[in-house]
Amino acid sequence: MILNLKIFLDILMFSRGPQDLPSSSLLLKMIIFMNIAIGLISVDPNVSFTVNMLFTIIYIAVTLLFIKSCLGIKDRNNGTPDLFVSRHTQVSSSILGIHAIIALFTSMIAISRITDESSTLFIFLIVSLYAWFVNGYIFKNAFDTTMSIGLAISLLHSIACVFVMMIFIQVLAI
């Protein structure tokens, strides 16, 4: 696990990609569990435990489905059966693993209350932009494409997650 943590840190520094992680369903399950555990940390006392868990589960589900769908589309467009779909476990592990690291970092900042509100917002903005670039880098490697396309896929992934979460917010508000 320490070696995998080093790989995640290398991915954060843009020196390795998702292909460097083992294609292990056990690793993916551990990362999903870590995301759920980090999702239990409530950074806003006005948000209930149930809503935090719902958002965490939605993020994980949308991410797994999004990656599987995109890799399948890439295979169909290239006419390469299962070349890219076989990367699903590695790409999912990297996206969710990086999310867990960044979510833990932002949760600690929000809970610590070391800085004032405007500084915290600025830090969240910088961390969000950095996460977008890291995810773009992961998608770039996963799809053997350019960084611009990787960033576009990362943005599309974020939009898909927010869209599904907003649907659930609307359903729960009724």
C-alpha atoms as a PDB file:
ATOM      1  CA  MET A   1       0.000   0.000   0.000  1.00  0.00           C
ATOM      2  CA  ILE A   2       2.929   2.350   0.677  1.00  0.00           C
ATOM      3  CA  LEU A   3       4.135   1.830  -2.900  1.00  0.00           C
ATOM      4  CA  ASN A   4       0.649   2.698  -4.164  1.00  0.00           C
ATOM      5  CA  LEU A   5       0.624   5.852  -2.022  1.00  0.00           C
ATOM      6  CA  LYS A   6       3.939   6.845  -3.625  1.00  0.00           C
ATOM      7  CA  ILE A   7       2.388   6.299  -7.063  1.00  0.00           C
ATOM      8  CA  PHE A   8      -0.559   8.528  -6.089  1.00  0.00           C
ATOM      9  CA  LEU A   9       1.852  11.230  -4.922  1.00  0.00           C
ATOM     10  CA  ASP A  10       3.746  10.880  -8.212  1.00  0.00           C
ATOM     11  CA  ILE A  11       0.462  11.263 -10.108  1.00  0.00           C
ATOM     12  CA  LEU A  12      -0.189  14.434  -8.099  1.00  0.00           C
ATOM     13  CA  MET A  13       3.199  15.682  -9.313  1.00  0.00           C
ATOM     14  CA  PHE A  14       2.426  14.715 -12.953  1.00  0.00           C
ATOM     15  CA  SER A  15       5.347  12.263 -13.109  1.00  0.00           C
ATOM     16  CA  ARG A  16       3.360   9.006 -13.338  1.00  0.00           C
ATOM     17  CA  GLY A  17      -0.019   8.034 -14.682  1.00  0.00           C
ATOM     18  CA  PRO A  18      -2.836   5.616 -13.938  1.00  0.00           C
ATOM     19  CA  GLN A  19      -1.045   2.917 -15.923  1.00  0.00           C
ATOM     20  CA  ASP A  20       1.551   2.749 -13.129  1.00  0.00           C
ATOM     21  CA  LEU A  21      -1.032   1.567 -10.591  1.00  0.00           C
ATOM     22  CA  PRO A  22      -1.726  -2.156 -10.339  1.00  0.00           C
ATOM     23  CA  SER A  23      -4.946  -3.294 -11.993  1.00  0.00           C
ATOM     24  CA  SER A  24      -6.284  -4.592  -8.701  1.00  0.00           C
ATOM     25  CA  SER A  25      -9.940  -4.794  -7.757  1.00  0.00           C
ATOM     26  CA  LEU A  26      -8.833  -4.993  -4.108  1.00  0.00           C
ATOM     27  CA  LEU A  27      -7.048  -1.631  -4.448  1.00  0.00           C
ATOM     28  CA  LEU A  28     -10.156  -0.123  -6.057  1.00  0.00           C
ATOM     29  CA  LYS A  29     -12.359  -1.461  -3.230  1.00  0.00           C
ATOM     30  CA  MET A  30      -9.980  -0.022  -0.614  1.00  0.00           C
ATOM     31  CA  ILE A  31     -10.013   3.356  -2.361  1.00  0.00           C
ATOM     32  CA  ILE A  32     -13.819   3.320  -2.528  1.00  0.00           C
ATOM     33  CA  PHE A  33     -13.905   2.552   1.204  1.00  0.00           C
ATOM     34  CA  MET A  34     -11.452   5.433   1.860  1.00  0.00           C
ATOM     35  CA  ASN A  35     -13.674   7.798  -0.153  1.00  0.00           C
ATOM     36  CA  ILE A  36     -16.679   6.742   1.924  1.00  0.00           C
ATOM     37  CA  ALA A  37     -14.714   7.184   5.169  1.00  0.00           C
ATOM     38  CA  ILE A  38     -13.549  10.653   4.107  1.00  0.00           C
ATOM     39  CA  GLY A  39     -17.126  11.454   3.047  1.00  0.00           C
ATOM     40  CA  LEU A  40     -18.135  10.946   6.668  1.00  0.00           C
ATOM     41  CA  ILE A  41     -16.142  14.040   7.625  1.00  0.00           C
ATOM     42  CA  SER A  42     -18.662  16.852   7.767  1.00  0.00           C
ATOM     43  CA  VAL A  43     -17.132  20.200   6.843  1.00  0.00           C
ATOM     44  CA  ASP A  44     -20.433  22.045   7.162  1.00  0.00           C
ATOM     45  CA  PRO A  45     -22.527  21.521  10.306  1.00  0.00           C
ATOM     46  CA  ASN A  46     -25.646  22.477   8.332  1.00  0.00           C
ATOM     47  CA  VAL A  47     -25.265  19.442   6.055  1.00  0.00           C
ATOM     48  CA  SER A  48     -26.564  16.203   7.516  1.00  0.00           C
ATOM     49  CA  PHE A  49     -24.667  12.938   7.680  1.00  0.00           C
ATOM     50  CA  THR A  50     -27.145  11.372   5.237  1.00  0.00           C
ATOM     51  CA  VAL A  51     -26.597  14.073   2.622  1.00  0.00           C
ATOM     52  CA  ASN A  52     -22.798  13.746   2.943  1.00  0.00           C
ATOM     53  CA  MET A  53     -23.048   9.990   2.432  1.00  0.00           C
ATOM     54  CA  LEU A  54     -25.456  10.409  -0.479  1.00  0.00           C
ATOM     55  CA  PHE A  55     -23.087  12.827  -2.236  1.00  0.00           C
ATOM     56  CA  THR A  56     -20.138  10.506  -1.629  1.00  0.00           C
ATOM     57  CA  ILE A  57     -21.957   7.491  -3.028  1.00  0.00           C
ATOM     58  CA  ILE A  58     -23.227   9.499  -6.002  1.00  0.00           C
ATOM     59  CA  TYR A  59     -19.708  10.742  -6.749  1.00  0.00           C
ATOM     60  CA  ILE A  60     -18.288   7.209  -6.626  1.00  0.00           C
ATOM     61  CA  ALA A  61     -21.089   5.718  -8.752  1.00  0.00           C
ATOM     62  CA  VAL A  62     -21.028   8.488 -11.363  1.00  0.00           C
ATOM     63  CA  THR A  63     -17.234   8.307 -11.556  1.00  0.00           C
ATOM     64  CA  LEU A  64     -17.193   4.544 -12.081  1.00  0.00           C
ATOM     65  CA  LEU A  65     -19.959   4.692 -14.709  1.00  0.00           C
ATOM     66  CA  PHE A  66     -18.433   7.719 -16.440  1.00  0.00           C
ATOM     67  CA  ILE A  67     -15.011   6.094 -16.756  1.00  0.00           C
ATOM     68  CA  LYS A  68     -16.446   2.769 -17.961  1.00  0.00           C
ATOM     69  CA  SER A  69     -18.640   4.541 -20.532  1.00  0.00           C
ATOM     70  CA  CYS A  70     -15.862   6.779 -21.840  1.00  0.00           C
ATOM     71  CA  LEU A  71     -13.394   3.908 -22.159  1.00  0.00           C
ATOM     72  CA  GLY A  72     -16.049   1.857 -23.983  1.00  0.00           C
ATOM     73  CA  ILE A  73     -16.737   4.740 -26.377  1.00  0.00           C
ATOM     74  CA  LYS A  74     -13.001   5.089 -27.054  1.00  0.00           C
ATOM     75  CA  ASP A  75     -12.794   1.351 -27.844  1.00  0.00           C
ATOM     76  CA  ARG A  76     -15.763   1.491 -30.231  1.00  0.00           C
ATOM     77  CA  ASN A  77     -14.398   4.571 -32.019  1.00  0.00           C
ATOM     78  CA  ASN A  78     -10.960   3.003 -32.455  1.00  0.00           C
ATOM     79  CA  GLY A  79     -12.313  -0.434 -33.329  1.00  0.00           C
ATOM     80  CA  THR A  80     -10.175  -1.937 -30.564  1.00  0.00           C
ATOM     81  CA  PRO A  81     -12.298  -4.331 -28.512  1.00  0.00           C
ATOM     82  CA  ASP A  82     -11.496  -4.094 -24.810  1.00  0.00           C
ATOM     83  CA  LEU A  83      -8.163  -2.262 -25.225  1.00  0.00           C
ATOM     84  CA  PHE A  84      -9.265   0.783 -23.251  1.00  0.00           C
ATOM     85  CA  VAL A  85     -11.985  -0.884 -21.141  1.00  0.00           C
ATOM     86  CA  SER A  86      -9.255  -3.031 -19.597  1.00  0.00           C
ATOM     87  CA  ARG A  87      -7.878   0.187 -18.067  1.00  0.00           C
ATOM     88  CA  HIS A  88     -11.075   0.752 -16.058  1.00  0.00           C
ATOM     89  CA  THR A  89      -9.721  -0.477 -12.722  1.00  0.00           C
ATOM     90  CA  GLN A  90      -6.509   1.557 -12.965  1.00  0.00           C
ATOM     91  CA  VAL A  91      -8.215   4.750 -14.123  1.00  0.00           C
ATOM     92  CA  SER A  92     -10.985   4.420 -11.521  1.00  0.00           C
ATOM     93  CA  SER A  93      -8.428   3.746  -8.792  1.00  0.00           C
ATOM     94  CA  SER A  94      -6.423   6.820  -9.776  1.00  0.00           C
ATOM     95  CA  ILE A  95      -9.356   9.218 -10.100  1.00  0.00           C
ATOM     96  CA  LEU A  96     -10.965   8.056  -6.840  1.00  0.00           C
ATOM     97  CA  GLY A  97      -7.603   7.823  -5.044  1.00  0.00           C
ATOM     98  CA  ILE A  98      -6.649  11.364  -6.010  1.00  0.00           C
ATOM     99  CA  HIS A  99     -10.145  12.485  -4.997  1.00  0.00           C
ATOM    100  CA  ALA A 100      -9.689  10.860  -1.576  1.00  0.00           C
ATOM    101  CA  ILE A 101      -6.355  12.617  -1.030  1.00  0.00           C
ATOM    102  CA  ILE A 102      -7.675  16.010  -2.122  1.00  0.00           C
ATOM    103  CA  ALA A 103     -10.952  15.600  -0.189  1.00  0.00           C
ATOM    104  CA  LEU A 104      -9.012  14.719   2.960  1.00  0.00           C
ATOM    105  CA  PHE A 105      -6.796  17.784   2.475  1.00  0.00           C
ATOM    106  CA  THR A 106      -9.729  20.155   1.911  1.00  0.00           C
ATOM    107  CA  SER A 107     -11.687  18.650   4.815  1.00  0.00           C
ATOM    108  CA  MET A 108      -8.755  19.237   7.142  1.00  0.00           C
ATOM    109  CA  ILE A 109      -8.498  22.851   5.967  1.00  0.00           C
ATOM    110  CA  ALA A 110     -12.232  23.428   6.445  1.00  0.00           C
ATOM    111  CA  ILE A 111     -12.297  21.834   9.884  1.00  0.00           C
ATOM    112  CA  SER A 112      -9.128  23.534  11.139  1.00  0.00           C
ATOM    113  CA  ARG A 113     -10.562  27.052  10.793  1.00  0.00           C
ATOM    114  CA  ILE A 114      -6.981  28.366  10.764  1.00  0.00           C
ATOM    115  CA  THR A 115      -7.687  30.904   8.046  1.00  0.00           C
ATOM    116  CA  ASP A 116     -10.496  33.371   7.523  1.00  0.00           C
ATOM    117  CA  GLU A 117     -13.380  32.624   5.167  1.00  0.00           C
ATOM    118  CA  SER A 118     -11.980  34.441   2.125  1.00  0.00           C
ATOM    119  CA  SER A 119      -8.613  32.689   2.469  1.00  0.00           C
ATOM    120  CA  THR A 120     -10.359  29.342   2.784  1.00  0.00           C
ATOM    121  CA  LEU A 121     -12.375  30.039  -0.368  1.00  0.00           C
ATOM    122  CA  PHE A 122      -9.196  31.020  -2.211  1.00  0.00           C
ATOM    123  CA  ILE A 123      -7.459  27.819  -1.060  1.00  0.00           C
ATOM    124  CA  PHE A 124     -10.479  25.753  -2.190  1.00  0.00           C
ATOM    125  CA  LEU A 125     -10.400  27.474  -5.585  1.00  0.00           C
ATOM    126  CA  ILE A 126      -6.692  26.729  -6.045  1.00  0.00           C
ATOM    127  CA  VAL A 127      -7.109  23.122  -4.880  1.00  0.00           C
ATOM    128  CA  SER A 128     -10.119  22.652  -7.196  1.00  0.00           C
ATOM    129  CA  LEU A 129      -8.190  23.962 -10.192  1.00  0.00           C
ATOM    130  CA  TYR A 130      -5.239  21.753  -9.290  1.00  0.00           C
ATOM    131  CA  ALA A 131      -7.548  18.716  -8.969  1.00  0.00           C
ATOM    132  CA  TRP A 132      -9.008  19.525 -12.394  1.00  0.00           C
ATOM    133  CA  PHE A 133      -5.510  19.510 -13.892  1.00  0.00           C
ATOM    134  CA  VAL A 134      -4.544  16.270 -12.127  1.00  0.00           C
ATOM    135  CA  ASN A 135      -7.727  14.556 -13.308  1.00  0.00           C
ATOM    136  CA  GLY A 136      -7.116  15.931 -16.800  1.00  0.00           C
ATOM    137  CA  TYR A 137      -3.624  14.445 -16.673  1.00  0.00           C
ATOM    138  CA  ILE A 138      -5.052  11.072 -15.607  1.00  0.00           C
ATOM    139  CA  PHE A 139      -7.610  11.139 -18.434  1.00  0.00           C
ATOM    140  CA  LYS A 140      -4.882  12.216 -20.876  1.00  0.00           C
ATOM    141  CA  ASN A 141      -2.904   9.095 -20.004  1.00  0.00           C
ATOM    142  CA  ALA A 142      -5.963   6.838 -19.884  1.00  0.00           C
ATOM    143  CA  PHE A 143      -7.176   7.813 -23.343  1.00  0.00           C
ATOM    144  CA  ASP A 144      -3.766   8.310 -24.994  1.00  0.00           C
ATOM    145  CA  THR A 145      -4.695  11.850 -25.973  1.00  0.00           C
ATOM    146  CA  THR A 146      -3.597  15.444 -25.453  1.00  0.00           C
ATOM    147  CA  MET A 147      -3.781  17.387 -22.205  1.00  0.00           C
ATOM    148  CA  SER A 148      -6.489  19.654 -23.681  1.00  0.00           C
ATOM    149  CA  ILE A 149      -8.730  16.668 -24.356  1.00  0.00           C
ATOM    150  CA  GLY A 150      -7.885  15.251 -20.916  1.00  0.00           C
ATOM    151  CA  LEU A 151      -8.938  18.540 -19.298  1.00  0.00           C
ATOM    152  CA  ALA A 152     -12.151  18.545 -21.339  1.00  0.00           C
ATOM    153  CA  ILE A 153     -12.949  14.994 -20.190  1.00  0.00           C
ATOM    154  CA  SER A 154     -12.178  16.036 -16.602  1.00  0.00           C
ATOM    155  CA  LEU A 155     -14.553  18.991 -16.922  1.00  0.00           C
ATOM    156  CA  LEU A 156     -17.229  16.741 -18.425  1.00  0.00           C
ATOM    157  CA  HIS A 157     -16.771  14.331 -15.497  1.00  0.00           C
ATOM    158  CA  SER A 158     -17.227  17.182 -13.008  1.00  0.00           C
ATOM    159  CA  ILE A 159     -20.328  18.411 -14.826  1.00  0.00           C
ATOM    160  CA  ALA A 160     -21.800  14.884 -14.826  1.00  0.00           C
ATOM    161  CA  CYS A 161     -21.208  14.534 -11.074  1.00  0.00           C
ATOM    162  CA  VAL A 162     -22.742  17.926 -10.258  1.00  0.00           C
ATOM    163  CA  PHE A 163     -25.679  17.279 -12.594  1.00  0.00           C
ATOM    164  CA  VAL A 164     -26.567  13.973 -10.916  1.00  0.00           C
ATOM    165  CA  MET A 165     -26.133  15.518  -7.449  1.00  0.00           C
ATOM    166  CA  MET A 166     -28.432  18.399  -8.396  1.00  0.00           C
ATOM    167  CA  ILE A 167     -31.071  15.940  -9.586  1.00  0.00           C
ATOM    168  CA  PHE A 168     -30.921  14.190  -6.212  1.00  0.00           C
ATOM    169  CA  ILE A 169     -31.122  17.527  -4.386  1.00  0.00           C
ATOM    170  CA  GLN A 170     -34.263  18.379  -6.370  1.00  0.00           C
ATOM    171  CA  VAL A 171     -35.779  14.964  -5.699  1.00  0.00           C
ATOM    172  CA  LEU A 172     -35.030  15.198  -1.971  1.00  0.00           C
ATOM    173  CA  ALA A 173     -36.388  18.758  -1.753  1.00  0.00           C
ATOM    174  CA  ILE A 174     -39.827  17.713  -2.974  1.00  0.00           C
END
